[in-house]
Amino acid sequence: MITVETASLNNLSEQEVNSLYRIIIKGYELTEEEVWGKNYVRISKADYIDLITKGQILVAKFKGSIAGGIHYYEAQPGIYTFSLLGTDFMLAGNGLGTALIQSVEDRAKKAGATAIEMEVLRVKAFDTESKLRLAKYYQKLGYHYTHSADCSCKIPAEKYSRLKAPSDFDFYRKVI
């Protein structure tokens, strides 16, 4: 059984926060190596805990254990976004990612949002299996590709300079 709730330092133990953080870091380390290189750390633990404190992280539990998480927030009036989606690879195929995204959509709609917009970072020069699978997954969930742009449009110059390969963001949108 999957449950999704807002992560909080009051409802998660230190061990659960650490487990959730490791899931997110491992997911990005494995799926963005071609963009950032080996041992990529998507977000510092302090910054991740700050997002938890702000109430912007949802946590999924599978059979009572930490299984994944997602960051969401209102990007502009009436438009929400999500990022830092990660689930335990050992539990793939159990609907964890879908449950997390559905929870974001439900919460955004309840808050009066009309759409969710998000982006996927990918290398320009070649396709990877994980990014192709991700694009199909989002489209299956009703997200429509809108456009691509060089990732410098959203990544600060200091971080942009550390790219291993020139990369784009593919932008997706779903009306909710």
C-alpha atoms as a PDB file:
ATOM      1  CA  MET A   1       0.000   0.000   0.000  1.00  0.00           C
ATOM      2  CA  ILE A   2       1.249   3.483  -0.923  1.00  0.00           C
ATOM      3  CA  THR A   3       0.655   6.528   1.231  1.00  0.00           C
ATOM      4  CA  VAL A   4       1.768  10.062   0.367  1.00  0.00           C
ATOM      5  CA  GLU A   5       2.038  12.868   2.882  1.00  0.00           C
ATOM      6  CA  THR A   6       3.814  16.167   3.350  1.00  0.00           C
ATOM      7  CA  ALA A   7       7.265  15.505   4.749  1.00  0.00           C
ATOM      8  CA  SER A   8       7.971  17.219   8.029  1.00  0.00           C
ATOM      9  CA  LEU A   9      10.731  17.031  10.571  1.00  0.00           C
ATOM     10  CA  ASN A  10       7.909  16.334  13.038  1.00  0.00           C
ATOM     11  CA  ASN A  11       6.497  13.303  11.220  1.00  0.00           C
ATOM     12  CA  LEU A  12       9.752  11.769   9.954  1.00  0.00           C
ATOM     13  CA  SER A  13      12.571  10.394  12.058  1.00  0.00           C
ATOM     14  CA  GLU A  14      16.150  11.406  11.319  1.00  0.00           C
ATOM     15  CA  GLN A  15      16.668   7.941   9.831  1.00  0.00           C
ATOM     16  CA  GLU A  16      13.644   8.418   7.535  1.00  0.00           C
ATOM     17  CA  VAL A  17      14.884  11.850   6.387  1.00  0.00           C
ATOM     18  CA  ASN A  18      18.287  10.297   5.636  1.00  0.00           C
ATOM     19  CA  SER A  19      16.651   7.451   3.717  1.00  0.00           C
ATOM     20  CA  LEU A  20      14.525   9.845   1.663  1.00  0.00           C
ATOM     21  CA  TYR A  21      17.549  12.029   0.892  1.00  0.00           C
ATOM     22  CA  ARG A  22      19.612   8.993  -0.192  1.00  0.00           C
ATOM     23  CA  ILE A  23      16.837   7.875  -2.565  1.00  0.00           C
ATOM     24  CA  ILE A  24      16.758  11.282  -4.252  1.00  0.00           C
ATOM     25  CA  ILE A  25      20.551  11.588  -4.501  1.00  0.00           C
ATOM     26  CA  LYS A  26      20.988   8.049  -5.836  1.00  0.00           C
ATOM     27  CA  GLY A  27      18.303   8.564  -8.477  1.00  0.00           C
ATOM     28  CA  TYR A  28      19.913  11.707  -9.868  1.00  0.00           C
ATOM     29  CA  GLU A  29      23.414  10.277  -9.583  1.00  0.00           C
ATOM     30  CA  LEU A  30      22.389   7.361 -11.801  1.00  0.00           C
ATOM     31  CA  THR A  31      20.162   9.192 -14.296  1.00  0.00           C
ATOM     32  CA  GLU A  32      22.179  12.369 -14.838  1.00  0.00           C
ATOM     33  CA  GLU A  33      25.728  11.065 -15.045  1.00  0.00           C
ATOM     34  CA  GLU A  34      25.865  11.937 -18.757  1.00  0.00           C
ATOM     35  CA  VAL A  35      24.948  15.541 -17.910  1.00  0.00           C
ATOM     36  CA  TRP A  36      26.983  16.178 -14.745  1.00  0.00           C
ATOM     37  CA  GLY A  37      29.524  13.342 -14.523  1.00  0.00           C
ATOM     38  CA  LYS A  38      30.077  10.706 -11.855  1.00  0.00           C
ATOM     39  CA  ASN A  39      29.022  11.127  -8.237  1.00  0.00           C
ATOM     40  CA  TYR A  40      26.643  14.004  -8.992  1.00  0.00           C
ATOM     41  CA  VAL A  41      24.865  15.399  -5.918  1.00  0.00           C
ATOM     42  CA  ARG A  42      21.646  17.081  -7.102  1.00  0.00           C
ATOM     43  CA  ILE A  43      20.987  18.988  -3.860  1.00  0.00           C
ATOM     44  CA  SER A  44      22.811  19.339  -0.569  1.00  0.00           C
ATOM     45  CA  LYS A  45      21.268  17.699   2.448  1.00  0.00           C
ATOM     46  CA  ALA A  46      20.923  21.094   4.166  1.00  0.00           C
ATOM     47  CA  ASP A  47      19.022  22.508   1.176  1.00  0.00           C
ATOM     48  CA  TYR A  48      16.817  19.392   1.028  1.00  0.00           C
ATOM     49  CA  ILE A  49      15.987  19.717   4.722  1.00  0.00           C
ATOM     50  CA  ASP A  50      15.146  23.379   4.076  1.00  0.00           C
ATOM     51  CA  LEU A  51      12.570  22.258   1.461  1.00  0.00           C
ATOM     52  CA  ILE A  52      11.119  19.824   3.996  1.00  0.00           C
ATOM     53  CA  THR A  53      10.889  22.652   6.538  1.00  0.00           C
ATOM     54  CA  LYS A  54       9.050  24.798   3.974  1.00  0.00           C
ATOM     55  CA  GLY A  55       6.482  22.008   3.454  1.00  0.00           C
ATOM     56  CA  GLN A  56       7.482  21.544  -0.195  1.00  0.00           C
ATOM     57  CA  ILE A  57       8.426  17.856  -0.085  1.00  0.00           C
ATOM     58  CA  LEU A  58       5.954  15.013  -0.332  1.00  0.00           C
ATOM     59  CA  VAL A  59       7.083  11.607   0.861  1.00  0.00           C
ATOM     60  CA  ALA A  60       5.762   8.272  -0.355  1.00  0.00           C
ATOM     61  CA  LYS A  61       5.749   5.258   1.904  1.00  0.00           C
ATOM     62  CA  PHE A  62       5.302   1.725   0.651  1.00  0.00           C
ATOM     63  CA  LYS A  63       4.090  -0.719   3.267  1.00  0.00           C
ATOM     64  CA  GLY A  64       5.056   1.842   5.916  1.00  0.00           C
ATOM     65  CA  SER A  65       8.653   2.397   4.760  1.00  0.00           C
ATOM     66  CA  ILE A  66      10.141   5.437   2.997  1.00  0.00           C
ATOM     67  CA  ALA A  67      10.000   4.760  -0.734  1.00  0.00           C
ATOM     68  CA  GLY A  68      10.323   8.115  -2.521  1.00  0.00           C
ATOM     69  CA  GLY A  69       9.716  11.817  -2.614  1.00  0.00           C
ATOM     70  CA  ILE A  70       8.995  14.845  -4.756  1.00  0.00           C
ATOM     71  CA  HIS A  71       9.492  18.604  -4.434  1.00  0.00           C
ATOM     72  CA  TYR A  72       6.578  20.817  -5.501  1.00  0.00           C
ATOM     73  CA  TYR A  73       5.659  24.474  -5.285  1.00  0.00           C
ATOM     74  CA  GLU A  74       3.760  27.257  -6.996  1.00  0.00           C
ATOM     75  CA  ALA A  75       6.121  28.534  -9.711  1.00  0.00           C
ATOM     76  CA  GLN A  76       3.864  31.431 -10.691  1.00  0.00           C
ATOM     77  CA  PRO A  77       0.273  32.308  -9.871  1.00  0.00           C
ATOM     78  CA  GLY A  78      -1.909  29.344 -10.808  1.00  0.00           C
ATOM     79  CA  ILE A  79       0.984  27.245 -12.133  1.00  0.00           C
ATOM     80  CA  TYR A  80       2.728  24.605 -10.047  1.00  0.00           C
ATOM     81  CA  THR A  81       5.863  22.652 -10.805  1.00  0.00           C
ATOM     82  CA  PHE A  82       7.659  19.642  -9.426  1.00  0.00           C
ATOM     83  CA  SER A  83      11.228  18.400  -9.303  1.00  0.00           C
ATOM     84  CA  LEU A  84      13.450  16.091  -7.286  1.00  0.00           C
ATOM     85  CA  LEU A  85      11.184  13.146  -8.072  1.00  0.00           C
ATOM     86  CA  GLY A  86      12.835   9.981  -6.877  1.00  0.00           C
ATOM     87  CA  THR A  87      11.759   6.536  -5.811  1.00  0.00           C
ATOM     88  CA  ASP A  88      13.557   3.491  -4.473  1.00  0.00           C
ATOM     89  CA  PHE A  89      14.758   1.587  -7.559  1.00  0.00           C
ATOM     90  CA  MET A  90      14.141  -1.696  -5.727  1.00  0.00           C
ATOM     91  CA  LEU A  91      10.416  -0.847  -5.705  1.00  0.00           C
ATOM     92  CA  ALA A  92      10.143   0.104  -9.401  1.00  0.00           C
ATOM     93  CA  GLY A  93       6.807  -0.769 -10.982  1.00  0.00           C
ATOM     94  CA  ASN A  94       4.723  -0.288  -7.837  1.00  0.00           C
ATOM     95  CA  GLY A  95       3.269   3.087  -8.849  1.00  0.00           C
ATOM     96  CA  LEU A  96       5.268   5.242  -6.449  1.00  0.00           C
ATOM     97  CA  GLY A  97       6.197   7.945  -8.961  1.00  0.00           C
ATOM     98  CA  THR A  98       2.638   8.107 -10.248  1.00  0.00           C
ATOM     99  CA  ALA A  99       1.269   8.387  -6.703  1.00  0.00           C
ATOM    100  CA  LEU A 100       3.662  11.244  -5.923  1.00  0.00           C
ATOM    101  CA  ILE A 101       2.822  13.144  -9.122  1.00  0.00           C
ATOM    102  CA  GLN A 102      -0.915  12.582  -8.604  1.00  0.00           C
ATOM    103  CA  SER A 103      -0.580  13.999  -5.081  1.00  0.00           C
ATOM    104  CA  VAL A 104       1.132  17.100  -6.470  1.00  0.00           C
ATOM    105  CA  GLU A 105      -1.655  17.509  -9.037  1.00  0.00           C
ATOM    106  CA  ASP A 106      -4.357  17.058  -6.397  1.00  0.00           C
ATOM    107  CA  ARG A 107      -2.774  19.566  -4.022  1.00  0.00           C
ATOM    108  CA  ALA A 108      -2.151  22.091  -6.799  1.00  0.00           C
ATOM    109  CA  LYS A 109      -5.732  21.805  -8.043  1.00  0.00           C
ATOM    110  CA  LYS A 110      -7.072  22.182  -4.505  1.00  0.00           C
ATOM    111  CA  ALA A 111      -4.961  25.360  -4.175  1.00  0.00           C
ATOM    112  CA  GLY A 112      -6.573  26.764  -7.332  1.00  0.00           C
ATOM    113  CA  ALA A 113      -3.870  25.962  -9.882  1.00  0.00           C
ATOM    114  CA  THR A 114      -4.841  25.430 -13.499  1.00  0.00           C
ATOM    115  CA  ALA A 115      -1.692  23.681 -14.730  1.00  0.00           C
ATOM    116  CA  ILE A 116       1.531  21.918 -13.843  1.00  0.00           C
ATOM    117  CA  GLU A 117       4.652  22.792 -15.813  1.00  0.00           C
ATOM    118  CA  MET A 118       7.945  20.941 -15.440  1.00  0.00           C
ATOM    119  CA  GLU A 119      11.132  20.171 -17.285  1.00  0.00           C
ATOM    120  CA  VAL A 120      13.489  17.291 -17.943  1.00  0.00           C
ATOM    121  CA  LEU A 121      17.214  17.906 -18.360  1.00  0.00           C
ATOM    122  CA  ARG A 122      18.876  15.953 -21.190  1.00  0.00           C
ATOM    123  CA  VAL A 123      22.082  15.962 -23.200  1.00  0.00           C
ATOM    124  CA  LYS A 124      21.676  17.608 -26.621  1.00  0.00           C
ATOM    125  CA  ALA A 125      23.926  15.293 -28.613  1.00  0.00           C
ATOM    126  CA  PHE A 126      22.334  11.912 -27.890  1.00  0.00           C
ATOM    127  CA  ASP A 127      19.367  10.213 -26.277  1.00  0.00           C
ATOM    128  CA  THR A 128      19.649   8.023 -23.207  1.00  0.00           C
ATOM    129  CA  GLU A 129      17.301   5.214 -22.312  1.00  0.00           C
ATOM    130  CA  SER A 130      16.393   6.785 -18.968  1.00  0.00           C
ATOM    131  CA  LYS A 131      15.449  10.151 -20.517  1.00  0.00           C
ATOM    132  CA  LEU A 132      13.429   8.534 -23.334  1.00  0.00           C
ATOM    133  CA  ARG A 133      11.598   6.380 -20.769  1.00  0.00           C
ATOM    134  CA  LEU A 134      10.937   9.459 -18.627  1.00  0.00           C
ATOM    135  CA  ALA A 135       9.500  11.421 -21.578  1.00  0.00           C
ATOM    136  CA  LYS A 136       7.125   8.547 -22.411  1.00  0.00           C
ATOM    137  CA  TYR A 137       6.139   8.245 -18.761  1.00  0.00           C
ATOM    138  CA  TYR A 138       5.223  11.931 -18.420  1.00  0.00           C
ATOM    139  CA  GLN A 139       3.280  11.840 -21.682  1.00  0.00           C
ATOM    140  CA  LYS A 140       1.394   8.772 -20.449  1.00  0.00           C
ATOM    141  CA  LEU A 141       0.409  10.815 -17.374  1.00  0.00           C
ATOM    142  CA  GLY A 142      -1.008  13.571 -19.605  1.00  0.00           C
ATOM    143  CA  TYR A 143       1.947  15.940 -19.762  1.00  0.00           C
ATOM    144  CA  HIS A 144       2.423  17.471 -23.203  1.00  0.00           C
ATOM    145  CA  TYR A 145       5.811  18.442 -24.555  1.00  0.00           C
ATOM    146  CA  THR A 146       5.823  22.188 -25.255  1.00  0.00           C
ATOM    147  CA  HIS A 147       9.395  23.056 -26.242  1.00  0.00           C
ATOM    148  CA  SER A 148      13.107  22.665 -25.566  1.00  0.00           C
ATOM    149  CA  ALA A 149      15.616  25.310 -24.558  1.00  0.00           C
ATOM    150  CA  ASP A 150      19.258  25.391 -23.619  1.00  0.00           C
ATOM    151  CA  CYS A 151      19.478  24.632 -19.924  1.00  0.00           C
ATOM    152  CA  SER A 152      21.229  27.966 -19.320  1.00  0.00           C
ATOM    153  CA  CYS A 153      17.706  29.424 -19.260  1.00  0.00           C
ATOM    154  CA  LYS A 154      17.217  28.009 -15.748  1.00  0.00           C
ATOM    155  CA  ILE A 155      20.591  26.889 -14.430  1.00  0.00           C
ATOM    156  CA  PRO A 156      22.780  29.540 -12.756  1.00  0.00           C
ATOM    157  CA  ALA A 157      26.037  30.316 -14.603  1.00  0.00           C
ATOM    158  CA  GLU A 158      28.222  28.841 -11.857  1.00  0.00           C
ATOM    159  CA  LYS A 159      26.467  25.477 -12.045  1.00  0.00           C
ATOM    160  CA  TYR A 160      26.073  25.643 -15.843  1.00  0.00           C
ATOM    161  CA  SER A 161      29.852  25.808 -16.201  1.00  0.00           C
ATOM    162  CA  ARG A 162      30.114  22.357 -14.564  1.00  0.00           C
ATOM    163  CA  LEU A 163      28.069  20.574 -17.249  1.00  0.00           C
ATOM    164  CA  LYS A 164      29.799  17.536 -18.701  1.00  0.00           C
ATOM    165  CA  ALA A 165      27.938  17.964 -22.008  1.00  0.00           C
ATOM    166  CA  PRO A 166      25.772  20.686 -23.596  1.00  0.00           C
ATOM    167  CA  SER A 167      22.209  20.070 -22.437  1.00  0.00           C
ATOM    168  CA  ASP A 168      18.637  21.198 -22.960  1.00  0.00           C
ATOM    169  CA  PHE A 169      15.540  21.297 -20.848  1.00  0.00           C
ATOM    170  CA  ASP A 170      12.495  19.673 -22.425  1.00  0.00           C
ATOM    171  CA  PHE A 171       9.423  21.450 -21.072  1.00  0.00           C
ATOM    172  CA  TYR A 172       6.099  19.722 -20.369  1.00  0.00           C
ATOM    173  CA  ARG A 173       2.701  21.024 -19.318  1.00  0.00           C
ATOM    174  CA  LYS A 174      -0.508  19.475 -18.043  1.00  0.00           C
ATOM    175  CA  VAL A 175      -3.788  21.289 -17.549  1.00  0.00           C
ATOM    176  CA  ILE A 176      -5.380  20.177 -14.289  1.00  0.00           C
END
